N, C-alpha and C. Protein backbone atom coordinates (compact mmCIF):
# COMPACT_ATOMS: atom_id res chain seq x y z
N MET A 1 13.94 37.11 -3.13
CA MET A 1 14.39 35.73 -2.92
C MET A 1 15.54 35.72 -1.92
N SER A 2 15.57 34.74 -1.03
CA SER A 2 16.61 34.65 -0.01
C SER A 2 17.93 34.23 -0.65
N ASP A 3 19.00 34.25 0.15
CA ASP A 3 20.30 33.84 -0.35
C ASP A 3 20.27 32.37 -0.75
N SER A 4 21.05 32.04 -1.76
CA SER A 4 21.11 30.66 -2.22
C SER A 4 21.82 29.79 -1.19
N VAL A 5 21.46 28.51 -1.16
CA VAL A 5 22.13 27.58 -0.24
C VAL A 5 23.35 26.95 -0.90
N LYS A 6 23.42 27.06 -2.22
CA LYS A 6 24.59 26.54 -2.96
C LYS A 6 24.61 27.18 -4.34
N ALA A 7 25.81 27.44 -4.86
CA ALA A 7 25.95 28.02 -6.19
C ALA A 7 27.20 27.45 -6.85
N ILE A 8 27.09 27.09 -8.14
CA ILE A 8 28.23 26.58 -8.90
C ILE A 8 28.19 27.14 -10.32
N GLU A 9 29.33 27.07 -11.00
CA GLU A 9 29.42 27.43 -12.41
C GLU A 9 29.47 26.14 -13.22
N TYR A 10 28.73 26.13 -14.34
CA TYR A 10 28.70 24.92 -15.18
C TYR A 10 28.48 25.33 -16.63
N LYS A 11 29.47 25.05 -17.47
CA LYS A 11 29.40 25.32 -18.91
C LYS A 11 29.03 26.77 -19.21
N GLY A 12 29.57 27.68 -18.42
CA GLY A 12 29.32 29.09 -18.65
C GLY A 12 28.04 29.62 -18.03
N TYR A 13 27.32 28.76 -17.35
CA TYR A 13 26.08 29.14 -16.67
C TYR A 13 26.29 29.11 -15.15
N THR A 14 25.48 29.84 -14.44
CA THR A 14 25.50 29.81 -12.97
C THR A 14 24.25 29.10 -12.46
N ILE A 15 24.47 28.09 -11.63
CA ILE A 15 23.36 27.37 -11.00
C ILE A 15 23.31 27.76 -9.53
N LYS A 16 22.14 28.19 -9.09
CA LYS A 16 21.95 28.51 -7.67
C LYS A 16 20.78 27.70 -7.13
N ILE A 17 20.97 27.12 -5.95
CA ILE A 17 19.91 26.37 -5.27
C ILE A 17 19.33 27.26 -4.18
N TYR A 18 18.00 27.38 -4.17
CA TYR A 18 17.30 28.21 -3.19
C TYR A 18 16.26 27.39 -2.44
N ARG A 19 15.92 27.86 -1.26
CA ARG A 19 14.73 27.34 -0.59
C ARG A 19 13.51 27.85 -1.35
N ASP A 20 12.53 26.99 -1.50
CA ASP A 20 11.28 27.37 -2.17
C ASP A 20 10.38 28.07 -1.15
N GLU A 21 10.34 29.39 -1.22
CA GLU A 21 9.58 30.18 -0.25
C GLU A 21 8.10 30.24 -0.58
N ASP A 22 7.70 29.68 -1.70
CA ASP A 22 6.29 29.68 -2.09
C ASP A 22 5.85 28.26 -2.45
N SER A 23 6.31 27.30 -1.66
CA SER A 23 6.02 25.89 -1.95
C SER A 23 4.54 25.57 -1.72
N MET A 24 4.07 24.57 -2.46
CA MET A 24 2.67 24.15 -2.34
C MET A 24 2.48 23.29 -1.10
N ASN A 25 1.30 23.40 -0.49
CA ASN A 25 0.94 22.58 0.66
C ASN A 25 0.51 21.20 0.14
N PRO A 26 1.25 20.14 0.46
CA PRO A 26 0.91 18.81 -0.05
C PRO A 26 -0.48 18.33 0.33
N ARG A 27 -1.02 18.84 1.42
CA ARG A 27 -2.33 18.36 1.88
C ARG A 27 -3.49 19.10 1.21
N THR A 28 -3.21 20.18 0.52
CA THR A 28 -4.28 20.90 -0.19
C THR A 28 -4.05 20.96 -1.70
N ASP A 29 -2.78 20.87 -2.11
CA ASP A 29 -2.47 21.05 -3.53
C ASP A 29 -2.08 19.76 -4.24
N PHE A 30 -1.88 18.67 -3.50
CA PHE A 30 -1.50 17.39 -4.11
C PHE A 30 -2.68 16.42 -4.09
N ASP A 31 -2.64 15.47 -4.99
CA ASP A 31 -3.63 14.38 -5.01
C ASP A 31 -3.06 13.24 -4.16
N ASN A 32 -3.41 13.21 -2.89
CA ASN A 32 -2.80 12.27 -1.95
C ASN A 32 -3.52 10.93 -1.90
N MET A 33 -2.73 9.88 -1.70
CA MET A 33 -3.28 8.55 -1.49
C MET A 33 -3.83 8.43 -0.07
N THR A 34 -3.21 9.15 0.85
CA THR A 34 -3.58 9.06 2.26
C THR A 34 -4.65 10.08 2.64
N LYS A 35 -5.26 9.82 3.79
CA LYS A 35 -6.14 10.79 4.45
C LYS A 35 -5.48 11.15 5.78
N MET A 36 -5.57 12.44 6.16
CA MET A 36 -4.88 12.89 7.36
C MET A 36 -5.80 13.77 8.21
N ALA A 37 -6.10 13.30 9.41
CA ALA A 37 -6.93 14.06 10.35
C ALA A 37 -6.06 14.57 11.48
N CYS A 38 -5.99 15.88 11.63
CA CYS A 38 -5.18 16.48 12.69
C CYS A 38 -6.02 17.46 13.51
N SER A 39 -5.69 17.55 14.78
CA SER A 39 -6.41 18.45 15.66
C SER A 39 -5.43 19.10 16.62
N HIS A 40 -5.31 20.44 16.52
CA HIS A 40 -4.38 21.17 17.37
C HIS A 40 -4.97 22.54 17.67
N PRO A 41 -4.82 23.03 18.89
CA PRO A 41 -5.44 24.32 19.25
C PRO A 41 -4.84 25.54 18.54
N ARG A 42 -3.61 25.43 18.04
CA ARG A 42 -2.95 26.60 17.43
C ARG A 42 -2.66 26.46 15.94
N TYR A 43 -2.62 25.25 15.41
CA TYR A 43 -2.23 25.05 14.02
C TYR A 43 -3.34 24.34 13.23
N ASN A 44 -3.52 24.77 11.98
CA ASN A 44 -4.42 24.07 11.07
C ASN A 44 -3.59 23.09 10.25
N LEU A 45 -3.72 21.82 10.57
CA LEU A 45 -2.88 20.78 9.97
C LEU A 45 -3.72 19.72 9.29
N GLY A 46 -3.06 18.95 8.42
CA GLY A 46 -3.72 17.83 7.77
C GLY A 46 -4.69 18.25 6.70
N ASP A 47 -5.64 17.36 6.38
CA ASP A 47 -6.66 17.62 5.37
C ASP A 47 -7.80 18.39 6.02
N LYS A 48 -8.13 19.53 5.46
CA LYS A 48 -9.08 20.44 6.09
C LYS A 48 -10.42 19.78 6.42
N GLU A 49 -11.05 19.17 5.42
CA GLU A 49 -12.38 18.59 5.63
C GLU A 49 -12.33 17.36 6.52
N ILE A 50 -11.31 16.54 6.32
CA ILE A 50 -11.16 15.33 7.15
C ILE A 50 -10.90 15.72 8.60
N SER A 51 -10.05 16.74 8.80
CA SER A 51 -9.75 17.19 10.17
C SER A 51 -10.97 17.81 10.83
N LYS A 52 -11.81 18.44 10.01
CA LYS A 52 -13.05 19.02 10.55
C LYS A 52 -14.01 17.92 10.98
N GLU A 53 -14.07 16.85 10.17
CA GLU A 53 -14.97 15.74 10.49
C GLU A 53 -14.52 14.99 11.74
N TYR A 54 -13.21 14.78 11.86
CA TYR A 54 -12.67 14.06 13.00
C TYR A 54 -11.89 15.02 13.91
N ASP A 55 -12.61 15.99 14.44
CA ASP A 55 -12.02 16.97 15.34
C ASP A 55 -11.89 16.37 16.74
N ARG A 56 -10.73 16.49 17.33
CA ARG A 56 -10.47 15.93 18.67
C ARG A 56 -11.47 16.45 19.70
N LYS A 57 -11.99 17.66 19.49
CA LYS A 57 -12.94 18.25 20.45
C LYS A 57 -14.23 17.45 20.53
N ASN A 58 -14.50 16.63 19.51
CA ASN A 58 -15.72 15.82 19.49
C ASN A 58 -15.56 14.49 20.21
N TYR A 59 -14.38 14.23 20.74
CA TYR A 59 -14.11 12.93 21.37
C TYR A 59 -13.53 13.12 22.77
N ASN A 60 -13.73 12.10 23.60
CA ASN A 60 -13.17 12.12 24.95
C ASN A 60 -11.67 11.88 24.96
N SER A 61 -11.18 11.22 23.88
CA SER A 61 -9.76 10.89 23.81
C SER A 61 -9.38 10.61 22.36
N PHE A 62 -8.08 10.56 22.10
CA PHE A 62 -7.62 10.20 20.77
C PHE A 62 -7.96 8.75 20.46
N ASN A 63 -8.07 7.93 21.50
CA ASN A 63 -8.45 6.53 21.29
C ASN A 63 -9.87 6.43 20.73
N LYS A 64 -10.79 7.27 21.24
CA LYS A 64 -12.16 7.30 20.73
C LYS A 64 -12.17 7.81 19.27
N MET A 65 -11.35 8.78 19.01
CA MET A 65 -11.23 9.30 17.66
C MET A 65 -10.72 8.21 16.72
N PHE A 66 -9.73 7.47 17.17
CA PHE A 66 -9.17 6.35 16.41
C PHE A 66 -10.25 5.31 16.09
N GLN A 67 -11.04 4.96 17.08
CA GLN A 67 -12.09 3.97 16.89
C GLN A 67 -13.13 4.44 15.88
N ASP A 68 -13.47 5.71 15.93
CA ASP A 68 -14.47 6.26 15.00
C ASP A 68 -13.94 6.26 13.57
N ILE A 69 -12.68 6.61 13.40
CA ILE A 69 -12.06 6.61 12.07
C ILE A 69 -12.06 5.19 11.50
N CYS A 70 -11.67 4.22 12.33
CA CYS A 70 -11.62 2.82 11.88
C CYS A 70 -13.01 2.33 11.48
N LEU A 71 -14.02 2.74 12.23
CA LEU A 71 -15.39 2.31 11.96
C LEU A 71 -15.91 2.90 10.64
N LYS A 72 -15.64 4.18 10.42
CA LYS A 72 -16.19 4.87 9.25
C LYS A 72 -15.33 4.75 7.99
N GLU A 73 -14.02 4.78 8.17
CA GLU A 73 -13.12 4.84 7.01
C GLU A 73 -12.65 3.48 6.53
N LYS A 74 -12.69 2.48 7.42
CA LYS A 74 -12.21 1.14 7.09
C LYS A 74 -10.80 1.17 6.49
N PRO A 75 -9.84 1.64 7.27
CA PRO A 75 -8.47 1.76 6.76
C PRO A 75 -7.78 0.41 6.59
N ALA A 76 -6.96 0.34 5.54
CA ALA A 76 -6.10 -0.83 5.38
C ALA A 76 -4.99 -0.77 6.42
N LEU A 77 -4.56 0.47 6.71
CA LEU A 77 -3.56 0.71 7.75
C LEU A 77 -3.72 2.14 8.22
N ILE A 78 -3.67 2.34 9.52
CA ILE A 78 -3.78 3.69 10.10
C ILE A 78 -2.64 3.86 11.10
N LEU A 79 -1.98 5.02 11.03
CA LEU A 79 -0.85 5.30 11.91
C LEU A 79 -1.10 6.60 12.67
N PRO A 80 -0.58 6.69 13.90
CA PRO A 80 -0.74 7.93 14.68
C PRO A 80 0.19 9.01 14.14
N LEU A 81 -0.16 10.25 14.41
CA LEU A 81 0.68 11.39 14.04
C LEU A 81 1.10 12.13 15.30
N TYR A 82 2.39 12.46 15.38
CA TYR A 82 2.93 13.18 16.52
C TYR A 82 3.52 14.50 16.04
N LEU A 83 3.34 15.53 16.84
CA LEU A 83 3.84 16.86 16.51
C LEU A 83 4.86 17.30 17.55
N TYR A 84 5.99 17.80 17.07
CA TYR A 84 7.00 18.39 17.95
C TYR A 84 6.99 19.88 17.69
N ASP A 85 6.75 20.66 18.72
CA ASP A 85 6.56 22.11 18.60
C ASP A 85 7.62 22.83 19.43
N HIS A 86 8.69 23.25 18.75
CA HIS A 86 9.75 23.97 19.45
C HIS A 86 10.56 24.74 18.40
N SER A 87 10.39 26.07 18.38
CA SER A 87 11.04 26.91 17.37
C SER A 87 10.69 26.42 15.97
N GLY A 88 9.41 26.15 15.76
CA GLY A 88 8.96 25.56 14.51
C GLY A 88 8.30 24.22 14.80
N ILE A 89 7.58 23.68 13.83
CA ILE A 89 6.89 22.42 14.05
C ILE A 89 7.38 21.35 13.07
N THR A 90 7.34 20.11 13.53
CA THR A 90 7.69 18.97 12.69
C THR A 90 6.75 17.83 13.05
N ILE A 91 6.42 16.99 12.07
CA ILE A 91 5.41 15.96 12.27
C ILE A 91 5.98 14.60 11.88
N SER A 92 5.50 13.54 12.55
CA SER A 92 6.05 12.21 12.31
C SER A 92 5.04 11.14 12.71
N THR A 93 5.24 9.92 12.21
CA THR A 93 4.40 8.79 12.61
C THR A 93 4.99 8.06 13.83
N THR A 94 6.14 8.52 14.30
CA THR A 94 6.75 7.94 15.49
C THR A 94 6.92 9.03 16.55
N PRO A 95 6.84 8.69 17.83
CA PRO A 95 6.92 9.70 18.89
C PRO A 95 8.27 10.40 18.92
N PHE A 96 8.26 11.65 19.37
CA PHE A 96 9.51 12.39 19.58
C PHE A 96 9.97 12.16 21.01
N GLY A 97 11.25 12.38 21.24
CA GLY A 97 11.82 12.08 22.55
C GLY A 97 11.37 13.01 23.65
N CYS A 98 11.05 14.26 23.32
CA CYS A 98 10.71 15.24 24.35
C CYS A 98 9.23 15.17 24.71
N GLN A 99 8.93 14.88 25.97
CA GLN A 99 7.54 14.76 26.40
C GLN A 99 6.86 16.11 26.60
N TRP A 100 7.65 17.20 26.73
CA TRP A 100 7.08 18.51 27.00
C TRP A 100 6.65 19.23 25.73
N ASP A 101 7.41 19.08 24.65
CA ASP A 101 7.11 19.82 23.42
C ASP A 101 6.50 18.97 22.31
N SER A 102 6.21 17.71 22.62
CA SER A 102 5.62 16.84 21.60
C SER A 102 4.29 16.28 22.08
N THR A 103 3.41 15.99 21.13
CA THR A 103 2.08 15.51 21.48
C THR A 103 1.47 14.74 20.32
N THR A 104 0.50 13.89 20.62
CA THR A 104 -0.29 13.25 19.57
C THR A 104 -1.17 14.32 18.93
N VAL A 105 -1.21 14.33 17.60
CA VAL A 105 -1.96 15.38 16.91
C VAL A 105 -3.04 14.82 15.98
N GLY A 106 -3.02 13.51 15.76
CA GLY A 106 -4.04 12.94 14.88
C GLY A 106 -3.65 11.60 14.31
N PHE A 107 -4.20 11.30 13.11
CA PHE A 107 -3.96 10.01 12.47
C PHE A 107 -3.86 10.18 10.96
N VAL A 108 -3.17 9.24 10.33
CA VAL A 108 -3.06 9.21 8.87
C VAL A 108 -3.31 7.78 8.41
N TRP A 109 -4.02 7.61 7.30
CA TRP A 109 -4.39 6.26 6.87
C TRP A 109 -4.64 6.19 5.37
N ILE A 110 -4.71 4.95 4.90
CA ILE A 110 -5.14 4.64 3.53
C ILE A 110 -6.29 3.65 3.67
N THR A 111 -7.39 3.92 3.01
CA THR A 111 -8.54 3.02 3.09
C THR A 111 -8.25 1.73 2.33
N LYS A 112 -8.99 0.68 2.67
CA LYS A 112 -8.83 -0.60 1.99
C LYS A 112 -9.14 -0.45 0.49
N GLU A 113 -10.17 0.29 0.19
CA GLU A 113 -10.56 0.50 -1.20
C GLU A 113 -9.46 1.20 -1.98
N GLN A 114 -8.90 2.24 -1.38
CA GLN A 114 -7.83 2.99 -2.04
C GLN A 114 -6.59 2.14 -2.21
N ALA A 115 -6.26 1.36 -1.20
CA ALA A 115 -5.06 0.50 -1.25
C ALA A 115 -5.20 -0.54 -2.36
N LYS A 116 -6.36 -1.15 -2.47
CA LYS A 116 -6.57 -2.15 -3.51
C LYS A 116 -6.45 -1.54 -4.90
N GLN A 117 -6.94 -0.33 -5.03
CA GLN A 117 -6.89 0.36 -6.32
C GLN A 117 -5.46 0.80 -6.65
N GLU A 118 -4.79 1.40 -5.70
CA GLU A 118 -3.45 1.95 -5.93
C GLU A 118 -2.41 0.86 -6.15
N PHE A 119 -2.52 -0.25 -5.39
CA PHE A 119 -1.51 -1.30 -5.47
C PHE A 119 -1.97 -2.51 -6.29
N ASN A 120 -3.14 -2.39 -6.90
CA ASN A 120 -3.66 -3.44 -7.77
C ASN A 120 -3.68 -4.81 -7.07
N ILE A 121 -4.31 -4.83 -5.89
CA ILE A 121 -4.38 -6.06 -5.11
C ILE A 121 -5.84 -6.36 -4.76
N LYS A 122 -6.12 -7.62 -4.44
CA LYS A 122 -7.47 -8.03 -4.08
C LYS A 122 -7.62 -8.18 -2.57
N ARG A 123 -6.50 -8.50 -1.89
CA ARG A 123 -6.53 -8.69 -0.44
C ARG A 123 -5.39 -7.93 0.21
N ILE A 124 -5.62 -7.51 1.46
CA ILE A 124 -4.60 -6.79 2.21
C ILE A 124 -3.75 -7.81 2.97
N VAL A 125 -2.70 -8.30 2.33
CA VAL A 125 -1.80 -9.28 2.94
C VAL A 125 -0.56 -8.56 3.49
N LYS A 126 0.34 -9.32 4.13
CA LYS A 126 1.50 -8.73 4.80
C LYS A 126 2.37 -7.92 3.84
N SER A 127 2.64 -8.47 2.67
CA SER A 127 3.50 -7.76 1.71
C SER A 127 2.86 -6.44 1.27
N ALA A 128 1.52 -6.45 1.16
CA ALA A 128 0.81 -5.22 0.78
C ALA A 128 0.89 -4.21 1.91
N LEU A 129 0.79 -4.66 3.15
CA LEU A 129 0.86 -3.76 4.30
C LEU A 129 2.20 -3.03 4.36
N GLU A 130 3.27 -3.72 3.96
CA GLU A 130 4.59 -3.08 3.95
C GLU A 130 4.62 -1.95 2.94
N LYS A 131 4.02 -2.16 1.76
CA LYS A 131 3.96 -1.11 0.74
C LYS A 131 3.07 0.05 1.21
N ILE A 132 1.97 -0.29 1.84
CA ILE A 132 1.04 0.73 2.34
C ILE A 132 1.71 1.58 3.41
N SER A 133 2.44 0.91 4.31
CA SER A 133 3.14 1.63 5.37
C SER A 133 4.16 2.61 4.80
N LYS A 134 4.91 2.18 3.79
CA LYS A 134 5.90 3.05 3.16
C LYS A 134 5.23 4.24 2.48
N ALA A 135 4.09 3.99 1.84
CA ALA A 135 3.36 5.07 1.16
C ALA A 135 2.84 6.10 2.17
N ILE A 136 2.32 5.62 3.29
CA ILE A 136 1.83 6.53 4.34
C ILE A 136 2.98 7.38 4.89
N LYS A 137 4.09 6.72 5.23
CA LYS A 137 5.23 7.44 5.81
C LYS A 137 5.83 8.42 4.81
N ARG A 138 5.79 8.08 3.53
CA ARG A 138 6.31 8.99 2.51
C ARG A 138 5.45 10.25 2.42
N ASP A 139 4.14 10.09 2.48
CA ASP A 139 3.23 11.25 2.45
C ASP A 139 3.48 12.15 3.66
N VAL A 140 3.67 11.53 4.82
CA VAL A 140 3.93 12.30 6.04
C VAL A 140 5.28 13.01 5.95
N GLU A 141 6.26 12.34 5.37
CA GLU A 141 7.59 12.93 5.21
C GLU A 141 7.52 14.17 4.30
N ILE A 142 6.78 14.07 3.20
CA ILE A 142 6.64 15.20 2.29
C ILE A 142 5.93 16.36 2.99
N TYR A 143 4.90 16.04 3.76
CA TYR A 143 4.19 17.09 4.50
C TYR A 143 5.11 17.73 5.53
N ASP A 144 5.94 16.91 6.18
CA ASP A 144 6.89 17.44 7.15
C ASP A 144 7.92 18.35 6.46
N ASN A 145 8.35 17.98 5.26
CA ASN A 145 9.25 18.85 4.50
C ASN A 145 8.63 20.22 4.30
N TYR A 146 7.34 20.23 3.99
CA TYR A 146 6.62 21.50 3.79
C TYR A 146 6.58 22.29 5.11
N LEU A 147 6.25 21.62 6.21
CA LEU A 147 6.13 22.30 7.50
C LEU A 147 7.46 22.85 7.99
N THR A 148 8.54 22.16 7.69
CA THR A 148 9.86 22.57 8.18
C THR A 148 10.62 23.44 7.18
N GLY A 149 10.02 23.69 6.02
CA GLY A 149 10.67 24.54 5.03
C GLY A 149 11.75 23.86 4.23
N GLU A 150 11.73 22.52 4.22
CA GLU A 150 12.73 21.77 3.47
C GLU A 150 12.23 21.50 2.04
N VAL A 151 12.02 22.58 1.31
CA VAL A 151 11.60 22.50 -0.09
C VAL A 151 12.53 23.43 -0.88
N TYR A 152 13.04 22.94 -2.01
CA TYR A 152 14.07 23.68 -2.72
C TYR A 152 13.78 23.78 -4.22
N GLY A 153 14.63 24.54 -4.89
CA GLY A 153 14.54 24.67 -6.32
C GLY A 153 15.84 25.22 -6.87
N TYR A 154 15.98 25.21 -8.20
CA TYR A 154 17.19 25.76 -8.79
C TYR A 154 16.87 26.90 -9.75
N GLN A 155 17.85 27.78 -9.91
CA GLN A 155 17.75 28.89 -10.86
C GLN A 155 19.03 28.89 -11.69
N ILE A 156 18.88 28.96 -13.00
CA ILE A 156 20.02 29.00 -13.92
C ILE A 156 20.09 30.38 -14.56
N SER A 157 21.27 30.96 -14.53
CA SER A 157 21.44 32.27 -15.15
C SER A 157 22.71 32.30 -16.00
N LYS A 158 22.72 33.22 -16.94
CA LYS A 158 23.90 33.42 -17.79
C LYS A 158 24.09 34.92 -17.97
N ASP A 159 25.28 35.39 -17.66
CA ASP A 159 25.59 36.82 -17.74
C ASP A 159 24.61 37.65 -16.90
N GLY A 160 24.22 37.09 -15.75
CA GLY A 160 23.35 37.82 -14.83
C GLY A 160 21.88 37.75 -15.13
N GLU A 161 21.47 37.07 -16.21
CA GLU A 161 20.06 36.96 -16.57
C GLU A 161 19.57 35.53 -16.40
N GLU A 162 18.41 35.40 -15.76
CA GLU A 162 17.83 34.07 -15.55
C GLU A 162 17.36 33.47 -16.87
N VAL A 163 17.73 32.21 -17.09
CA VAL A 163 17.31 31.54 -18.32
C VAL A 163 16.44 30.31 -18.05
N GLU A 164 16.47 29.82 -16.81
CA GLU A 164 15.69 28.61 -16.48
C GLU A 164 15.58 28.50 -14.97
N SER A 165 14.46 27.95 -14.49
CA SER A 165 14.32 27.69 -13.06
C SER A 165 13.27 26.59 -12.85
N CYS A 166 13.39 25.92 -11.75
CA CYS A 166 12.42 24.88 -11.39
C CYS A 166 12.43 24.72 -9.87
N PHE A 167 11.25 24.76 -9.26
CA PHE A 167 11.14 24.65 -7.81
C PHE A 167 10.16 23.53 -7.45
N GLY A 168 10.08 23.23 -6.16
CA GLY A 168 9.16 22.20 -5.69
C GLY A 168 9.80 20.86 -5.41
N TYR A 169 11.08 20.87 -5.01
CA TYR A 169 11.77 19.64 -4.64
C TYR A 169 11.67 19.50 -3.12
N TYR A 170 10.92 18.50 -2.66
CA TYR A 170 10.68 18.32 -1.23
C TYR A 170 11.73 17.40 -0.62
N GLY A 171 12.34 17.85 0.47
CA GLY A 171 13.32 17.04 1.18
C GLY A 171 14.56 17.83 1.52
N ASN A 172 15.28 17.40 2.56
CA ASN A 172 16.52 18.05 2.96
C ASN A 172 17.47 18.11 1.78
N TYR A 173 18.07 19.29 1.53
CA TYR A 173 18.91 19.46 0.34
C TYR A 173 20.05 18.45 0.30
N ASP A 174 20.63 18.14 1.45
CA ASP A 174 21.76 17.19 1.48
C ASP A 174 21.37 15.84 0.92
N ASP A 175 20.07 15.51 1.00
CA ASP A 175 19.59 14.22 0.49
C ASP A 175 19.02 14.36 -0.92
N LYS A 176 19.14 15.54 -1.52
CA LYS A 176 18.51 15.79 -2.81
C LYS A 176 19.54 16.28 -3.83
N SER A 177 20.66 15.56 -3.95
CA SER A 177 21.71 15.98 -4.88
C SER A 177 21.22 15.98 -6.32
N TYR A 178 20.13 15.26 -6.60
CA TYR A 178 19.62 15.21 -7.97
C TYR A 178 19.08 16.57 -8.43
N ILE A 179 18.81 17.49 -7.50
CA ILE A 179 18.38 18.84 -7.89
C ILE A 179 19.47 19.48 -8.74
N MET A 180 20.73 19.40 -8.26
CA MET A 180 21.84 19.96 -9.02
C MET A 180 22.03 19.21 -10.33
N GLN A 181 21.84 17.90 -10.30
CA GLN A 181 22.00 17.11 -11.52
C GLN A 181 20.94 17.49 -12.55
N GLU A 182 19.73 17.74 -12.10
CA GLU A 182 18.68 18.13 -13.03
C GLU A 182 18.94 19.52 -13.59
N ALA A 183 19.52 20.40 -12.78
CA ALA A 183 19.90 21.73 -13.28
C ALA A 183 20.97 21.59 -14.35
N LYS A 184 21.93 20.72 -14.12
CA LYS A 184 22.98 20.49 -15.12
C LYS A 184 22.39 19.90 -16.40
N SER A 185 21.43 19.00 -16.25
CA SER A 185 20.78 18.40 -17.43
C SER A 185 20.04 19.46 -18.24
N ALA A 186 19.42 20.44 -17.52
CA ALA A 186 18.73 21.53 -18.20
C ALA A 186 19.72 22.37 -19.00
N ILE A 187 20.91 22.59 -18.43
CA ILE A 187 21.95 23.34 -19.15
C ILE A 187 22.46 22.55 -20.35
N ASP A 188 22.63 21.24 -20.17
CA ASP A 188 23.05 20.39 -21.28
C ASP A 188 22.06 20.51 -22.44
N PHE A 189 20.77 20.53 -22.11
CA PHE A 189 19.74 20.66 -23.13
C PHE A 189 19.81 22.03 -23.81
N LEU A 190 19.97 23.09 -23.01
CA LEU A 190 20.08 24.44 -23.56
C LEU A 190 21.30 24.55 -24.49
N THR A 191 22.40 23.95 -24.06
CA THR A 191 23.64 23.99 -24.86
C THR A 191 23.45 23.23 -26.17
N MET A 192 22.79 22.08 -26.09
CA MET A 192 22.55 21.27 -27.28
C MET A 192 21.67 22.02 -28.28
N LYS A 193 20.62 22.66 -27.78
CA LYS A 193 19.72 23.41 -28.66
C LYS A 193 20.46 24.58 -29.32
N LYS A 194 21.35 25.21 -28.54
CA LYS A 194 22.11 26.33 -29.07
C LYS A 194 23.05 25.85 -30.17
N GLU A 195 23.68 24.70 -29.96
CA GLU A 195 24.60 24.14 -30.97
C GLU A 195 23.83 23.74 -32.22
N GLU A 196 22.64 23.18 -32.04
CA GLU A 196 21.81 22.80 -33.19
C GLU A 196 21.43 24.02 -34.02
N LYS A 197 21.12 25.13 -33.32
CA LYS A 197 20.73 26.35 -34.02
C LYS A 197 21.90 26.92 -34.82
N VAL A 198 23.09 26.86 -34.22
CA VAL A 198 24.30 27.35 -34.91
C VAL A 198 24.58 26.50 -36.14
N ASN A 199 24.44 25.18 -36.01
CA ASN A 199 24.68 24.27 -37.13
C ASN A 199 23.69 24.51 -38.26
N GLU A 200 22.43 24.81 -37.91
CA GLU A 200 21.42 25.09 -38.91
C GLU A 200 21.76 26.35 -39.68
N MET A 201 22.27 27.37 -38.94
CA MET A 201 22.63 28.62 -39.59
C MET A 201 23.81 28.43 -40.54
N ILE A 202 24.76 27.57 -40.11
CA ILE A 202 25.93 27.31 -40.95
C ILE A 202 25.52 26.57 -42.22
N SER A 203 24.61 25.57 -42.06
CA SER A 203 24.17 24.76 -43.21
C SER A 203 23.39 25.58 -44.22
N GLU A 204 22.75 26.67 -43.76
CA GLU A 204 22.01 27.51 -44.68
C GLU A 204 22.96 28.33 -45.54
C-alpha cells in the first residue's frame, strides 16, 4: 500500500487515508443509469459493448455517430465526451482548453425509457432535463475520478494492528471530508461496543 495522504489519532486509534489502488471501474462494475460510447485509438473507455456497437471507425464523423445513437437509442438527453490526454487522462462533458492534447472521444446519454423509470415521470419536461443532466454529469465525474486515480479509503489501526477499513470513495480527497468523519464514526461504534462488553462483564 502506498503512503497515506492523511493520518490522525482519534480516541486511541490511528486513522489513515489512502488512495484506493484497486478501485472498481464504474463503467464495468457499477449499475449505471447512463450509457457511454467512447472511441479512442489507444484507450478502452466507456461501456465495452456500447462502445463496440458505436465505434467511431464505423462512421465518417462524430456527427454521424451522434445521429445514429439518437436514432437507435432515443435519448432523453445526450452529451458529448471530451478527453484530455497529457501525463494521464481525464474526461469531461465540456471541452478542455488545450486544442493539442484534447479531443472528442464519444457520447454519454440516458434513454427516455430509463429517465421515465428512474425519475418517475411521464414526460421529459424542462425540470426533468435538469435532473437528467445532473445525473449524466455525475456519472461522468465518477468515471473521471476512476481514470485520474481520485478514489480513496480509510484504514483504522490500534497498537499497530488494523481493526477496520473501507475503500471506494470516489472524488478529490479535499472535497471528501466525510471519509474522515465516517472513519471516526466507525471508531465511535467500536468504542461503544467495547464499553457495552465491559459493562456486561461487570454486571455478571
